[in-house]
């Protein structure tokens, strides 16, 4: 089923696919950022539920242990929203929480395991 097409056409909701693990005729997962009018978002999420598509909204946050962080910058290369950046003068990691979409791609990238979620 063309889910993102239906969200756009029927509900005027933009779907930005962050990560996908989908195979034909199998259960899969999508991490999707939805944007649009709040009423349209509610209607779109209800439609998804009626299609037997499980939904969970993210209430988690990325946590960075700055004492463990070695400021190597590996996480900055994988971050799709540039929430993680290196200061070009101090070479220290900066984290813009407001830009983070909790895609969790940075967690396995960190060689010292300084990045986690708040669960």
Protein backbone atom coordinates (compact mmCIF):
# COMPACT_ATOMS: atom_id res chain seq x y z
CA UNK A 1 0.00 0.00 0.00
CA UNK A 2 1.42 3.44 -0.88
CA UNK A 3 1.17 4.87 2.65
CA UNK A 4 3.16 8.06 2.16
CA UNK A 5 1.24 8.84 -1.03
CA UNK A 6 -2.10 8.43 0.81
CA UNK A 7 -0.91 10.66 3.64
CA UNK A 8 -0.01 13.40 1.18
CA UNK A 9 -3.02 13.07 -1.14
CA UNK A 10 -5.81 12.41 1.37
CA UNK A 11 -4.59 14.36 4.40
CA UNK A 12 -2.13 16.94 3.07
CA UNK A 13 0.48 15.54 5.46
CA UNK A 14 4.14 15.44 4.47
CA UNK A 15 5.99 12.25 5.38
CA UNK A 16 9.77 12.36 5.63
CA UNK A 17 11.09 8.79 5.83
CA UNK A 18 14.07 8.76 8.16
CA UNK A 19 14.72 5.01 8.32
CA UNK A 20 12.96 2.04 6.72
CA UNK A 21 13.14 -1.71 7.19
CA UNK A 22 10.50 -3.03 4.81
CA UNK A 23 10.27 -6.21 2.73
CA UNK A 24 7.41 -7.42 0.50
CA UNK A 25 4.79 -9.53 2.32
CA UNK A 26 6.53 -9.10 5.67
CA UNK A 27 6.12 -6.90 8.72
CA UNK A 28 8.41 -3.88 8.56
CA UNK A 29 9.12 -0.64 10.35
CA UNK A 30 9.36 2.94 9.23
CA UNK A 31 10.65 5.89 11.20
CA UNK A 32 8.73 8.77 9.68
CA UNK A 33 8.58 12.44 10.52
CA UNK A 34 5.07 13.75 9.77
CA UNK A 35 4.33 17.42 9.30
CA UNK A 36 1.15 19.29 8.58
CA UNK A 37 -1.89 20.85 10.25
CA UNK A 38 -2.55 19.29 13.67
CA UNK A 39 -6.11 18.28 12.73
CA UNK A 40 -4.90 16.66 9.52
CA UNK A 41 -2.15 14.88 11.45
CA UNK A 42 -4.71 13.47 13.89
CA UNK A 43 -6.92 12.32 11.01
CA UNK A 44 -3.94 10.77 9.21
CA UNK A 45 -2.87 8.87 12.33
CA UNK A 46 -6.41 7.59 12.82
CA UNK A 47 -6.47 6.41 9.20
CA UNK A 48 -3.15 4.59 9.76
CA UNK A 49 -4.64 2.81 12.79
CA UNK A 50 -7.70 1.80 10.73
CA UNK A 51 -5.31 0.24 8.20
CA UNK A 52 -3.84 -1.90 11.03
CA UNK A 53 -0.61 0.06 10.90
CA UNK A 54 0.87 0.30 14.37
CA UNK A 55 1.92 3.76 15.48
CA UNK A 56 4.11 4.86 18.32
CA UNK A 57 5.02 8.48 18.82
CA UNK A 58 8.50 9.26 20.02
CA UNK A 59 8.76 10.67 23.49
CA UNK A 60 12.36 9.64 23.91
CA UNK A 61 15.30 11.96 23.73
CA UNK A 62 18.92 11.44 22.82
CA UNK A 63 21.29 11.80 25.76
CA UNK A 64 25.00 12.47 25.39
CA UNK A 65 27.43 11.77 28.21
CA UNK A 66 29.89 14.59 27.59
CA UNK A 67 32.35 13.14 30.10
CA UNK A 68 32.60 9.93 28.03
CA UNK A 69 32.48 11.67 24.64
CA UNK A 70 35.87 11.93 22.90
CA UNK A 71 34.56 14.45 20.31
CA UNK A 72 35.62 12.26 17.40
CA UNK A 73 32.79 13.53 15.20
CA UNK A 74 31.67 10.15 13.83
CA UNK A 75 28.10 10.85 14.94
CA UNK A 76 28.01 14.15 13.02
CA UNK A 77 28.44 12.36 9.70
CA UNK A 78 25.42 10.11 10.26
CA UNK A 79 23.01 12.70 11.74
CA UNK A 80 20.37 13.46 9.06
CA UNK A 81 19.25 16.76 10.66
CA UNK A 82 22.67 18.11 11.65
CA UNK A 83 21.63 18.14 15.31
CA UNK A 84 25.15 16.91 16.06
CA UNK A 85 27.99 19.14 14.88
CA UNK A 86 31.61 19.81 15.75
CA UNK A 87 32.64 23.35 16.66
CA UNK A 88 35.22 24.29 14.03
CA UNK A 89 37.33 26.25 16.55
CA UNK A 90 37.25 24.04 19.67
CA UNK A 91 36.54 20.69 17.99
CA UNK A 92 33.95 20.00 20.70
CA UNK A 93 30.68 18.22 19.95
CA UNK A 94 27.57 20.41 19.93
CA UNK A 95 24.09 18.94 20.25
CA UNK A 96 21.08 20.98 19.08
CA UNK A 97 18.27 19.07 20.82
CA UNK A 98 15.62 21.05 18.94
CA UNK A 99 16.87 19.66 15.61
CA UNK A 100 17.05 16.04 16.81
CA UNK A 101 14.36 13.67 15.50
CA UNK A 102 15.51 10.73 17.64
CA UNK A 103 16.29 8.52 14.65
CA UNK A 104 18.92 6.84 16.85
CA UNK A 105 21.41 6.47 14.00
CA UNK A 106 24.08 8.11 16.14
CA UNK A 107 23.87 5.53 18.95
CA UNK A 108 25.58 2.58 17.22
CA UNK A 109 28.02 4.98 15.54
CA UNK A 110 29.55 6.22 18.81
CA UNK A 111 32.75 4.23 19.48
CA UNK A 112 32.71 4.98 23.24
CA UNK A 113 28.94 4.51 23.72
CA UNK A 114 28.47 8.07 24.97
CA UNK A 115 25.12 8.40 23.18
CA UNK A 116 21.91 6.77 24.39
CA UNK A 117 18.18 7.39 24.77
CA UNK A 118 16.48 8.39 27.99
CA UNK A 119 14.43 5.18 28.32
